[in-house]
């Protein structure tokens, strides 16, 4: 299917440009391998808002992206690269879920507010890519345990419905593991919140 893309963008040129950007950011070992091209085409179509190609792939431009795949397949670096394709009004930043959990230990429940409704006292919620969902732990704040990311995602779902706010996520958890860790409600909300783009389970670990 990827060979049949009919688009006014040259996807090969975009991939070459992104690879050069990747080398600039991550060093000479960075490479976009050909087996990842199907994933790249979907991400590029989405972040360039290439409607006909998104339609071909069944990607809904109103939703965010849930990028899943095994450890080390390059999810985080690809999402960091996609920031360079994104128009100003759709800009997002990448935030590791583990960092959010450490902030929660320090600052408590206002952290949930910060990442769901935007910074305190700030009217505009922001598009965020929550990186490595599943690597954070359920944490206690003054003795109360809280599934921080579950609360943030449920709040962001409400904002998606009311304000069309988009959320992107990377994770190496399967749908079943997401349900186990965050509950059925989060799993079903994620289905409405995000387009699923999945690396093959056999995708090789590029860190090795």
N, C-alpha and C. Protein backbone atom coordinates (compact mmCIF):
# COMPACT_ATOMS: atom_id res chain seq x y z
N UNK A 1 0.83 -1.21 0.00
CA UNK A 1 0.00 0.00 0.00
C UNK A 1 0.86 1.26 0.00
N UNK A 2 2.01 1.19 0.73
CA UNK A 2 2.81 2.42 0.82
C UNK A 2 3.36 2.88 -0.52
N UNK A 3 3.48 1.91 -1.48
CA UNK A 3 4.00 2.28 -2.79
C UNK A 3 2.96 3.08 -3.58
N UNK A 4 1.67 2.96 -3.13
CA UNK A 4 0.60 3.56 -3.94
C UNK A 4 0.18 4.95 -3.44
N UNK A 5 0.95 5.51 -2.53
CA UNK A 5 0.56 6.82 -2.01
C UNK A 5 0.46 7.83 -3.14
N UNK A 6 -0.73 8.41 -3.24
CA UNK A 6 -0.90 9.49 -4.23
C UNK A 6 -1.00 10.77 -3.43
N UNK A 7 0.05 11.54 -3.44
CA UNK A 7 0.08 12.73 -2.60
C UNK A 7 0.89 13.81 -3.28
N UNK A 8 0.62 15.07 -2.92
CA UNK A 8 1.44 16.14 -3.49
C UNK A 8 2.75 16.28 -2.71
N UNK A 9 2.91 15.49 -1.64
CA UNK A 9 4.20 15.47 -0.93
C UNK A 9 5.03 14.30 -1.45
N UNK A 10 6.35 14.49 -1.51
CA UNK A 10 7.22 13.35 -1.82
C UNK A 10 7.65 12.73 -0.50
N UNK A 11 7.05 11.59 -0.18
CA UNK A 11 7.32 10.95 1.12
C UNK A 11 8.77 10.49 1.23
N UNK A 12 9.34 10.09 0.12
CA UNK A 12 10.76 9.67 0.15
C UNK A 12 11.64 10.84 0.54
N UNK A 13 11.37 12.00 -0.05
CA UNK A 13 12.16 13.20 0.29
C UNK A 13 11.98 13.58 1.76
N UNK A 14 10.74 13.47 2.24
CA UNK A 14 10.47 13.82 3.65
C UNK A 14 11.25 12.87 4.57
N UNK A 15 11.25 11.57 4.24
CA UNK A 15 11.99 10.60 5.06
C UNK A 15 13.49 10.91 5.04
N UNK A 16 14.03 11.23 3.87
CA UNK A 16 15.45 11.58 3.78
C UNK A 16 15.77 12.81 4.64
N UNK A 17 14.86 13.79 4.59
CA UNK A 17 15.06 15.01 5.38
C UNK A 17 15.02 14.70 6.88
N UNK A 18 14.05 13.85 7.27
CA UNK A 18 13.91 13.48 8.69
C UNK A 18 15.12 12.68 9.16
N UNK A 19 15.63 11.83 8.27
CA UNK A 19 16.81 11.04 8.63
C UNK A 19 18.02 11.97 8.88
N UNK A 20 18.18 12.96 8.01
CA UNK A 20 19.27 13.94 8.19
C UNK A 20 19.09 14.70 9.51
N UNK A 21 17.84 15.05 9.82
CA UNK A 21 17.54 15.74 11.07
C UNK A 21 17.86 14.83 12.26
N UNK A 22 17.53 13.54 12.10
CA UNK A 22 17.81 12.55 13.15
C UNK A 22 19.30 12.41 13.43
N UNK A 23 20.10 12.42 12.36
CA UNK A 23 21.56 12.34 12.50
C UNK A 23 22.06 13.57 13.26
N UNK A 24 21.49 14.73 12.91
CA UNK A 24 21.84 15.99 13.57
C UNK A 24 21.54 15.92 15.09
N UNK A 25 20.38 15.33 15.41
CA UNK A 25 19.95 15.29 16.82
C UNK A 25 20.58 14.15 17.61
N UNK A 26 20.71 12.99 16.97
CA UNK A 26 21.08 11.78 17.72
C UNK A 26 22.44 11.20 17.37
N UNK A 27 23.06 11.73 16.31
CA UNK A 27 24.38 11.21 15.94
C UNK A 27 24.34 10.35 14.69
N UNK A 28 25.53 10.00 14.18
CA UNK A 28 25.64 9.30 12.89
C UNK A 28 25.01 7.92 12.84
N UNK A 29 24.79 7.33 14.00
CA UNK A 29 24.22 5.97 14.00
C UNK A 29 22.72 6.01 13.67
N UNK A 30 22.10 7.22 13.68
CA UNK A 30 20.66 7.29 13.46
C UNK A 30 20.31 6.94 12.02
N UNK A 31 19.33 6.04 11.87
CA UNK A 31 18.92 5.62 10.53
C UNK A 31 17.45 5.25 10.56
N UNK A 32 16.73 5.63 9.51
CA UNK A 32 15.35 5.16 9.38
C UNK A 32 15.39 3.95 8.45
N UNK A 33 15.11 2.77 9.01
CA UNK A 33 15.26 1.55 8.19
C UNK A 33 13.98 1.31 7.38
N UNK A 34 14.16 0.60 6.28
CA UNK A 34 13.07 0.45 5.31
C UNK A 34 11.85 -0.26 5.89
N UNK A 35 12.09 -1.19 6.82
CA UNK A 35 10.93 -1.89 7.41
C UNK A 35 10.06 -0.95 8.24
N UNK A 36 10.62 0.22 8.60
CA UNK A 36 9.83 1.20 9.35
C UNK A 36 9.07 2.17 8.44
N UNK A 37 9.28 2.07 7.14
CA UNK A 37 8.63 3.03 6.23
C UNK A 37 7.11 3.07 6.36
N UNK A 38 6.43 1.90 6.50
CA UNK A 38 4.97 1.97 6.63
C UNK A 38 4.53 2.81 7.83
N UNK A 39 5.28 2.70 8.93
CA UNK A 39 4.99 3.53 10.12
C UNK A 39 5.26 5.00 9.80
N UNK A 40 6.41 5.24 9.14
CA UNK A 40 6.80 6.61 8.80
C UNK A 40 5.76 7.28 7.92
N UNK A 41 5.26 6.55 6.92
CA UNK A 41 4.27 7.14 6.00
C UNK A 41 3.04 7.61 6.78
N UNK A 42 2.60 6.78 7.72
CA UNK A 42 1.40 7.15 8.50
C UNK A 42 1.67 8.38 9.36
N UNK A 43 2.82 8.38 10.03
CA UNK A 43 3.15 9.52 10.90
C UNK A 43 3.30 10.81 10.07
N UNK A 44 4.00 10.69 8.94
CA UNK A 44 4.22 11.86 8.09
C UNK A 44 2.87 12.39 7.57
N UNK A 45 2.02 11.49 7.10
CA UNK A 45 0.70 11.89 6.58
C UNK A 45 -0.07 12.64 7.67
N UNK A 46 -0.01 12.10 8.89
CA UNK A 46 -0.75 12.72 9.99
C UNK A 46 -0.19 14.10 10.33
N UNK A 47 1.12 14.19 10.52
CA UNK A 47 1.69 15.45 11.00
C UNK A 47 1.78 16.52 9.91
N UNK A 48 1.77 16.10 8.64
CA UNK A 48 1.68 17.09 7.57
C UNK A 48 0.22 17.43 7.24
N UNK A 49 -0.71 16.75 7.93
CA UNK A 49 -2.15 16.92 7.68
C UNK A 49 -2.49 16.67 6.20
N UNK A 50 -1.89 15.61 5.67
CA UNK A 50 -2.12 15.22 4.27
C UNK A 50 -3.42 14.39 4.22
N UNK A 51 -4.52 15.09 4.01
CA UNK A 51 -5.84 14.45 4.16
C UNK A 51 -6.08 13.23 3.28
N UNK A 52 -5.76 13.31 1.95
CA UNK A 52 -6.03 12.13 1.11
C UNK A 52 -5.27 10.90 1.57
N UNK A 53 -4.00 11.09 1.99
CA UNK A 53 -3.19 9.94 2.43
C UNK A 53 -3.70 9.42 3.77
N UNK A 54 -4.07 10.32 4.66
CA UNK A 54 -4.65 9.90 5.94
C UNK A 54 -5.92 9.09 5.70
N UNK A 55 -6.71 9.54 4.75
CA UNK A 55 -7.94 8.82 4.41
C UNK A 55 -7.61 7.40 3.94
N UNK A 56 -6.58 7.29 3.10
CA UNK A 56 -6.13 5.95 2.62
C UNK A 56 -5.78 5.04 3.78
N UNK A 57 -5.16 5.62 4.79
CA UNK A 57 -4.69 4.81 5.93
C UNK A 57 -5.72 4.69 7.05
N UNK A 58 -6.87 5.33 6.87
CA UNK A 58 -7.89 5.29 7.92
C UNK A 58 -7.50 6.07 9.16
N UNK A 59 -6.73 7.16 8.95
CA UNK A 59 -6.28 7.98 10.08
C UNK A 59 -7.20 9.19 10.22
N UNK A 60 -7.67 9.39 11.43
CA UNK A 60 -8.57 10.50 11.72
C UNK A 60 -7.74 11.69 12.23
N UNK A 61 -7.76 12.79 11.46
CA UNK A 61 -6.92 13.95 11.81
C UNK A 61 -7.39 14.70 13.06
N UNK A 62 -8.60 14.42 13.52
CA UNK A 62 -9.07 15.07 14.75
C UNK A 62 -8.49 14.42 16.00
N UNK A 63 -8.10 13.16 15.86
CA UNK A 63 -7.57 12.42 17.02
C UNK A 63 -6.06 12.61 17.13
N UNK A 64 -5.51 12.19 18.28
CA UNK A 64 -4.06 12.18 18.45
C UNK A 64 -3.46 10.88 17.92
N UNK A 65 -2.21 10.61 18.29
CA UNK A 65 -1.51 9.40 17.86
C UNK A 65 -1.14 8.57 19.08
N UNK A 66 -1.41 7.27 19.02
CA UNK A 66 -0.91 6.32 20.01
C UNK A 66 0.08 5.43 19.27
N UNK A 67 1.37 5.65 19.53
CA UNK A 67 2.42 4.92 18.83
C UNK A 67 2.93 3.81 19.74
N UNK A 68 2.69 2.57 19.33
CA UNK A 68 3.09 1.44 20.18
C UNK A 68 4.15 0.60 19.48
N UNK A 69 4.92 -0.12 20.29
CA UNK A 69 5.94 -0.99 19.73
C UNK A 69 6.91 -1.43 20.81
N UNK A 70 7.71 -2.47 20.53
CA UNK A 70 8.62 -2.98 21.54
C UNK A 70 9.68 -1.97 21.96
N UNK A 71 10.30 -2.23 23.08
CA UNK A 71 11.35 -1.35 23.62
C UNK A 71 12.47 -1.18 22.59
N UNK A 72 12.89 0.08 22.41
CA UNK A 72 14.06 0.34 21.55
C UNK A 72 13.78 0.44 20.06
N UNK A 73 12.47 0.40 19.66
CA UNK A 73 12.20 0.43 18.21
C UNK A 73 12.23 1.86 17.65
N UNK A 74 12.36 2.86 18.53
CA UNK A 74 12.54 4.23 18.03
C UNK A 74 11.33 5.15 18.16
N UNK A 75 10.37 4.77 19.00
CA UNK A 75 9.12 5.55 19.11
C UNK A 75 9.40 7.00 19.54
N UNK A 76 10.20 7.15 20.60
CA UNK A 76 10.44 8.49 21.14
C UNK A 76 11.16 9.38 20.14
N UNK A 77 12.22 8.83 19.52
CA UNK A 77 12.98 9.66 18.56
C UNK A 77 12.11 10.04 17.37
N UNK A 78 11.23 9.14 16.92
CA UNK A 78 10.34 9.49 15.80
C UNK A 78 9.38 10.62 16.18
N UNK A 79 8.80 10.53 17.39
CA UNK A 79 7.88 11.60 17.80
C UNK A 79 8.62 12.92 17.95
N UNK A 80 9.85 12.87 18.43
CA UNK A 80 10.64 14.11 18.52
C UNK A 80 10.89 14.69 17.13
N UNK A 81 11.11 13.82 16.15
CA UNK A 81 11.33 14.30 14.78
C UNK A 81 10.05 14.90 14.18
N UNK A 82 8.91 14.31 14.54
CA UNK A 82 7.64 14.78 13.97
C UNK A 82 7.34 16.23 14.36
N UNK A 83 7.93 16.68 15.46
CA UNK A 83 7.72 18.09 15.85
C UNK A 83 8.17 19.03 14.74
N UNK A 84 9.15 18.59 13.94
CA UNK A 84 9.69 19.45 12.88
C UNK A 84 8.78 19.50 11.66
N UNK A 85 7.81 18.59 11.59
CA UNK A 85 6.87 18.60 10.46
C UNK A 85 5.57 19.32 10.80
N UNK A 86 5.41 19.64 12.08
CA UNK A 86 4.11 20.09 12.55
C UNK A 86 3.93 21.59 12.40
N UNK A 87 2.79 21.97 11.87
CA UNK A 87 2.47 23.41 11.74
C UNK A 87 2.35 24.03 13.14
N UNK A 88 2.63 25.31 13.22
CA UNK A 88 2.69 26.01 14.52
C UNK A 88 1.47 25.73 15.40
N UNK A 89 0.28 25.77 14.80
CA UNK A 89 -0.93 25.61 15.63
C UNK A 89 -1.09 24.20 16.18
N UNK A 90 -0.33 23.24 15.62
CA UNK A 90 -0.43 21.85 16.11
C UNK A 90 0.83 21.43 16.87
N UNK A 91 1.69 22.40 17.19
CA UNK A 91 2.94 22.06 17.88
C UNK A 91 2.65 21.31 19.18
N UNK A 92 3.53 20.40 19.54
CA UNK A 92 3.35 19.66 20.78
C UNK A 92 4.72 19.50 21.44
N UNK A 93 4.72 19.13 22.71
CA UNK A 93 6.00 18.80 23.31
C UNK A 93 5.95 17.39 23.88
N UNK A 94 7.10 16.76 23.98
CA UNK A 94 7.20 15.37 24.42
C UNK A 94 7.56 15.36 25.90
N UNK A 95 6.75 14.68 26.69
CA UNK A 95 6.98 14.65 28.14
C UNK A 95 7.03 13.21 28.63
N UNK A 96 8.17 12.75 29.18
CA UNK A 96 8.24 11.38 29.70
C UNK A 96 7.30 11.18 30.88
N UNK A 97 6.56 10.08 30.85
CA UNK A 97 5.60 9.80 31.94
C UNK A 97 6.33 9.64 33.28
N UNK A 98 7.54 9.12 33.26
CA UNK A 98 8.29 8.97 34.51
C UNK A 98 8.56 10.34 35.15
N UNK A 99 8.87 11.33 34.32
CA UNK A 99 9.11 12.67 34.86
C UNK A 99 7.85 13.24 35.53
N UNK A 100 6.71 12.95 34.91
CA UNK A 100 5.45 13.42 35.49
C UNK A 100 5.24 12.78 36.85
N UNK A 101 5.58 11.48 36.96
CA UNK A 101 5.38 10.81 38.24
C UNK A 101 6.31 11.39 39.31
N UNK A 102 7.53 11.77 38.93
CA UNK A 102 8.44 12.40 39.91
C UNK A 102 7.92 13.78 40.33
N UNK A 103 7.36 14.50 39.36
CA UNK A 103 6.78 15.82 39.68
C UNK A 103 5.60 15.66 40.64
N UNK A 104 4.85 14.58 40.45
CA UNK A 104 3.69 14.33 41.31
C UNK A 104 4.14 14.10 42.75
N UNK A 105 5.23 13.33 42.93
CA UNK A 105 5.74 13.08 44.27
C UNK A 105 6.09 14.41 44.95
N UNK A 106 6.64 15.31 44.16
CA UNK A 106 7.08 16.59 44.70
C UNK A 106 5.93 17.57 44.92
N UNK A 107 5.05 17.68 43.91
CA UNK A 107 4.05 18.76 43.94
C UNK A 107 2.60 18.30 44.12
N UNK A 108 2.38 16.99 44.06
CA UNK A 108 1.03 16.49 44.31
C UNK A 108 0.04 16.74 43.20
N UNK A 109 -1.24 16.88 43.58
CA UNK A 109 -2.34 16.81 42.61
C UNK A 109 -2.37 17.93 41.60
N UNK A 110 -1.69 19.05 41.88
CA UNK A 110 -1.69 20.13 40.88
C UNK A 110 -0.99 19.69 39.59
N UNK A 111 -0.17 18.62 39.68
CA UNK A 111 0.52 18.10 38.49
C UNK A 111 -0.50 17.50 37.51
N UNK A 112 -1.53 16.86 38.06
CA UNK A 112 -2.60 16.30 37.21
C UNK A 112 -3.28 17.45 36.47
N UNK A 113 -3.52 18.53 37.18
CA UNK A 113 -4.14 19.72 36.57
C UNK A 113 -3.22 20.29 35.49
N UNK A 114 -1.94 20.36 35.81
CA UNK A 114 -0.97 20.97 34.88
C UNK A 114 -0.95 20.25 33.54
N UNK A 115 -0.97 18.91 33.56
CA UNK A 115 -0.85 18.16 32.30
C UNK A 115 -2.18 17.82 31.66
N UNK A 116 -3.28 18.10 32.36
CA UNK A 116 -4.56 17.87 31.70
C UNK A 116 -5.16 19.18 31.21
N UNK A 117 -5.10 20.21 32.04
CA UNK A 117 -5.76 21.46 31.65
C UNK A 117 -4.78 22.56 31.31
N UNK A 118 -3.52 22.23 31.16
CA UNK A 118 -2.53 23.29 30.90
C UNK A 118 -1.98 23.75 32.24
N UNK A 119 -1.01 24.63 32.21
CA UNK A 119 -0.40 25.10 33.46
C UNK A 119 -1.44 25.81 34.32
N UNK A 120 -1.20 25.80 35.60
CA UNK A 120 -2.09 26.55 36.49
C UNK A 120 -2.17 27.99 36.00
N UNK A 121 -3.36 28.55 36.06
CA UNK A 121 -3.60 29.94 35.66
C UNK A 121 -3.40 30.17 34.16
N UNK A 122 -3.32 29.11 33.40
CA UNK A 122 -3.13 29.29 31.96
C UNK A 122 -4.39 28.78 31.28
N UNK A 123 -5.00 29.60 30.45
CA UNK A 123 -6.30 29.22 29.88
C UNK A 123 -6.18 28.11 28.84
N UNK A 124 -5.10 28.13 28.08
CA UNK A 124 -5.04 27.23 26.93
C UNK A 124 -4.39 25.89 27.24
N UNK A 125 -5.15 24.80 27.15
CA UNK A 125 -4.53 23.48 27.29
C UNK A 125 -3.61 23.24 26.09
N UNK A 126 -2.59 22.41 26.26
CA UNK A 126 -1.63 22.22 25.19
C UNK A 126 -1.60 20.77 24.72
N UNK A 127 -1.23 20.61 23.44
CA UNK A 127 -1.03 19.27 22.91
C UNK A 127 0.27 18.72 23.49
N UNK A 128 0.19 17.51 24.04
CA UNK A 128 1.37 16.89 24.66
C UNK A 128 1.50 15.48 24.12
N UNK A 129 2.75 15.03 23.96
CA UNK A 129 3.01 13.61 23.69
C UNK A 129 3.53 13.01 24.99
N UNK A 130 2.73 12.15 25.59
CA UNK A 130 3.15 11.46 26.81
C UNK A 130 4.02 10.27 26.42
N UNK A 131 5.29 10.36 26.76
CA UNK A 131 6.26 9.39 26.27
C UNK A 131 6.44 8.23 27.25
N UNK A 132 6.41 7.02 26.69
CA UNK A 132 6.67 5.82 27.48
C UNK A 132 5.63 5.59 28.56
N UNK A 133 4.37 5.63 28.15
CA UNK A 133 3.28 5.33 29.08
C UNK A 133 3.47 3.91 29.63
N UNK A 134 3.42 3.78 30.94
CA UNK A 134 3.62 2.45 31.55
C UNK A 134 4.91 2.35 32.32
N UNK A 135 5.83 3.32 32.12
CA UNK A 135 7.11 3.25 32.84
C UNK A 135 7.01 3.98 34.18
N UNK A 136 5.92 4.75 34.37
CA UNK A 136 5.76 5.43 35.66
C UNK A 136 5.08 4.45 36.62
N UNK A 137 5.16 4.72 37.89
CA UNK A 137 4.51 3.84 38.88
C UNK A 137 3.33 4.56 39.51
N UNK A 138 2.41 3.76 40.09
CA UNK A 138 1.38 4.38 40.92
C UNK A 138 2.08 4.95 42.13
N UNK A 139 1.80 6.20 42.43
CA UNK A 139 2.59 6.87 43.46
C UNK A 139 1.74 7.36 44.62
N UNK A 140 2.40 7.44 45.75
CA UNK A 140 1.70 7.96 46.93
C UNK A 140 2.09 9.41 47.16
N UNK A 141 1.09 10.22 47.45
CA UNK A 141 1.35 11.60 47.83
C UNK A 141 0.65 11.80 49.17
N UNK A 142 1.42 12.03 50.19
CA UNK A 142 0.88 12.09 51.56
C UNK A 142 0.02 10.86 51.86
N UNK A 143 0.52 9.70 51.46
CA UNK A 143 -0.17 8.46 51.82
C UNK A 143 -1.30 8.06 50.89
N UNK A 144 -1.72 8.96 49.99
CA UNK A 144 -2.80 8.59 49.06
C UNK A 144 -2.20 8.08 47.76
N UNK A 145 -2.58 6.87 47.37
CA UNK A 145 -2.05 6.34 46.10
C UNK A 145 -2.85 6.90 44.94
N UNK A 146 -2.14 7.20 43.85
CA UNK A 146 -2.83 7.79 42.70
C UNK A 146 -2.25 7.25 41.41
N UNK A 147 -3.12 6.83 40.50
CA UNK A 147 -2.67 6.44 39.17
C UNK A 147 -2.65 7.72 38.34
N UNK A 148 -1.53 8.41 38.42
CA UNK A 148 -1.41 9.77 37.89
C UNK A 148 -1.78 9.84 36.42
N UNK A 149 -1.19 8.95 35.59
CA UNK A 149 -1.42 9.02 34.15
C UNK A 149 -2.87 8.68 33.80
N UNK A 150 -3.48 7.78 34.55
CA UNK A 150 -4.90 7.46 34.28
C UNK A 150 -5.75 8.71 34.48
N UNK A 151 -5.49 9.43 35.57
CA UNK A 151 -6.26 10.65 35.85
C UNK A 151 -6.04 11.71 34.77
N UNK A 152 -4.77 11.87 34.35
CA UNK A 152 -4.45 12.87 33.32
C UNK A 152 -5.14 12.51 32.01
N UNK A 153 -5.08 11.23 31.62
CA UNK A 153 -5.66 10.82 30.34
C UNK A 153 -7.18 10.96 30.35
N UNK A 154 -7.81 10.65 31.48
CA UNK A 154 -9.27 10.80 31.55
C UNK A 154 -9.66 12.29 31.45
N UNK A 155 -8.87 13.15 32.09
CA UNK A 155 -9.15 14.59 32.00
C UNK A 155 -8.95 15.10 30.57
N UNK A 156 -7.89 14.60 29.94
CA UNK A 156 -7.61 15.05 28.57
C UNK A 156 -8.66 14.53 27.59
N UNK A 157 -9.23 13.38 27.89
CA UNK A 157 -10.32 12.88 27.05
C UNK A 157 -11.51 13.86 27.11
N UNK A 158 -11.82 14.33 28.33
CA UNK A 158 -12.93 15.29 28.48
C UNK A 158 -12.64 16.56 27.66
N UNK A 159 -11.37 16.99 27.67
CA UNK A 159 -10.98 18.20 26.90
C UNK A 159 -11.00 17.94 25.40
N UNK A 160 -10.73 16.68 25.02
CA UNK A 160 -10.81 16.30 23.61
C UNK A 160 -12.26 16.43 23.13
N UNK A 161 -13.19 15.97 23.96
CA UNK A 161 -14.61 16.04 23.62
C UNK A 161 -15.09 17.49 23.60
N UNK A 162 -14.67 18.28 24.61
CA UNK A 162 -15.21 19.65 24.72
C UNK A 162 -14.44 20.66 23.87
N UNK A 163 -13.11 20.46 23.74
CA UNK A 163 -12.30 21.50 23.06
C UNK A 163 -11.44 20.97 21.93
N UNK A 164 -11.64 19.71 21.56
CA UNK A 164 -10.86 19.09 20.47
C UNK A 164 -9.35 19.03 20.77
N UNK A 165 -9.00 19.04 22.06
CA UNK A 165 -7.59 18.97 22.45
C UNK A 165 -7.00 17.61 22.09
N UNK A 166 -5.85 17.62 21.43
CA UNK A 166 -5.23 16.35 21.03
C UNK A 166 -4.15 15.90 22.02
N UNK A 167 -4.02 14.58 22.12
CA UNK A 167 -3.03 13.97 22.98
C UNK A 167 -2.31 12.89 22.18
N UNK A 168 -0.97 12.89 22.24
CA UNK A 168 -0.19 11.82 21.62
C UNK A 168 0.46 10.99 22.73
N UNK A 169 0.68 9.72 22.44
CA UNK A 169 1.24 8.81 23.45
C UNK A 169 2.20 7.84 22.77
N UNK A 170 3.31 7.52 23.43
CA UNK A 170 4.11 6.37 23.00
C UNK A 170 4.10 5.36 24.15
N UNK A 171 4.08 4.09 23.81
CA UNK A 171 4.08 3.05 24.86
C UNK A 171 4.55 1.73 24.28
N UNK A 172 5.12 0.88 25.13
CA UNK A 172 5.37 -0.49 24.66
C UNK A 172 4.36 -1.46 25.28
N UNK A 173 3.29 -0.92 25.86
CA UNK A 173 2.23 -1.77 26.41
C UNK A 173 1.25 -2.17 25.32
N UNK A 174 0.73 -3.38 25.43
CA UNK A 174 -0.35 -3.81 24.52
C UNK A 174 -1.66 -3.26 25.07
N UNK A 175 -2.73 -3.38 24.28
CA UNK A 175 -4.05 -2.89 24.72
C UNK A 175 -4.46 -3.57 26.03
N UNK A 176 -4.20 -4.88 26.13
CA UNK A 176 -4.55 -5.64 27.34
C UNK A 176 -3.77 -5.13 28.53
N UNK A 177 -2.47 -4.85 28.32
CA UNK A 177 -1.63 -4.34 29.42
C UNK A 177 -2.07 -2.95 29.84
N UNK A 178 -2.49 -2.13 28.86
CA UNK A 178 -3.01 -0.79 29.19
C UNK A 178 -4.24 -0.93 30.09
N UNK A 179 -5.13 -1.86 29.71
CA UNK A 179 -6.34 -2.06 30.51
C UNK A 179 -6.00 -2.51 31.93
N UNK A 180 -5.03 -3.42 32.02
CA UNK A 180 -4.64 -3.96 33.33
C UNK A 180 -4.06 -2.85 34.22
N UNK A 181 -3.25 -1.98 33.63
CA UNK A 181 -2.56 -0.95 34.41
C UNK A 181 -3.43 0.28 34.68
N UNK A 182 -4.33 0.61 33.73
CA UNK A 182 -5.08 1.87 33.85
C UNK A 182 -6.59 1.69 33.92
N UNK A 183 -7.03 0.45 33.69
CA UNK A 183 -8.48 0.20 33.77
C UNK A 183 -9.16 0.28 32.41
N UNK A 184 -10.33 -0.34 32.36
CA UNK A 184 -11.09 -0.46 31.11
C UNK A 184 -11.53 0.91 30.58
N UNK A 185 -11.83 1.83 31.51
CA UNK A 185 -12.30 3.15 31.10
C UNK A 185 -11.23 3.90 30.30
N UNK A 186 -9.98 3.83 30.78
CA UNK A 186 -8.89 4.50 30.06
C UNK A 186 -8.68 3.84 28.71
N UNK A 187 -8.70 2.50 28.69
CA UNK A 187 -8.48 1.80 27.41
C UNK A 187 -9.53 2.22 26.38
N UNK A 188 -10.80 2.27 26.78
CA UNK A 188 -11.83 2.62 25.78
C UNK A 188 -11.75 4.10 25.39
N UNK A 189 -11.37 4.97 26.34
CA UNK A 189 -11.19 6.39 26.00
C UNK A 189 -10.04 6.58 25.01
N UNK A 190 -8.97 5.81 25.20
CA UNK A 190 -7.82 5.93 24.30
C UNK A 190 -8.20 5.60 22.86
N UNK A 191 -9.12 4.66 22.73
CA UNK A 191 -9.58 4.28 21.39
C UNK A 191 -10.22 5.48 20.69
N UNK A 192 -10.95 6.28 21.45
CA UNK A 192 -11.60 7.47 20.88
C UNK A 192 -10.63 8.64 20.74
N UNK A 193 -9.63 8.66 21.61
CA UNK A 193 -8.71 9.79 21.71
C UNK A 193 -7.61 9.74 20.65
N UNK A 194 -7.20 8.51 20.26
CA UNK A 194 -5.99 8.38 19.44
C UNK A 194 -6.17 7.42 18.26
N UNK A 195 -5.40 7.71 17.20
CA UNK A 195 -5.20 6.74 16.11
C UNK A 195 -4.09 5.79 16.55
N UNK A 196 -4.34 4.51 16.45
CA UNK A 196 -3.30 3.55 16.82
C UNK A 196 -2.35 3.32 15.65
N UNK A 197 -1.06 3.56 15.86
CA UNK A 197 -0.04 3.22 14.86
C UNK A 197 0.94 2.30 15.58
N UNK A 198 1.07 1.08 15.09
CA UNK A 198 1.82 0.07 15.84
C UNK A 198 3.00 -0.50 15.04
N UNK A 199 4.16 -0.48 15.67
CA UNK A 199 5.30 -1.22 15.13
C UNK A 199 5.01 -2.71 15.25
N UNK A 200 5.61 -3.49 14.38
CA UNK A 200 5.53 -4.93 14.50
C UNK A 200 6.16 -5.36 15.83
N UNK A 201 5.59 -6.38 16.46
CA UNK A 201 6.16 -6.88 17.73
C UNK A 201 7.59 -7.37 17.56
N UNK A 202 7.92 -7.71 16.31
CA UNK A 202 9.28 -8.21 16.05
C UNK A 202 10.25 -7.09 15.68
N UNK A 203 9.77 -5.84 15.69
CA UNK A 203 10.65 -4.72 15.33
C UNK A 203 11.91 -4.76 16.18
N UNK A 204 13.07 -4.59 15.52
CA UNK A 204 14.29 -4.83 16.27
C UNK A 204 14.66 -3.65 17.17
N UNK A 205 15.38 -3.98 18.22
CA UNK A 205 15.85 -2.98 19.17
C UNK A 205 17.01 -2.23 18.56
N UNK A 206 16.79 -0.97 18.24
CA UNK A 206 17.83 -0.20 17.55
C UNK A 206 18.92 0.30 18.48
N UNK A 207 18.73 0.07 19.79
CA UNK A 207 19.75 0.53 20.74
C UNK A 207 20.89 -0.45 20.86
N UNK A 208 20.67 -1.66 20.34
CA UNK A 208 21.70 -2.69 20.50
C UNK A 208 22.79 -2.51 19.46
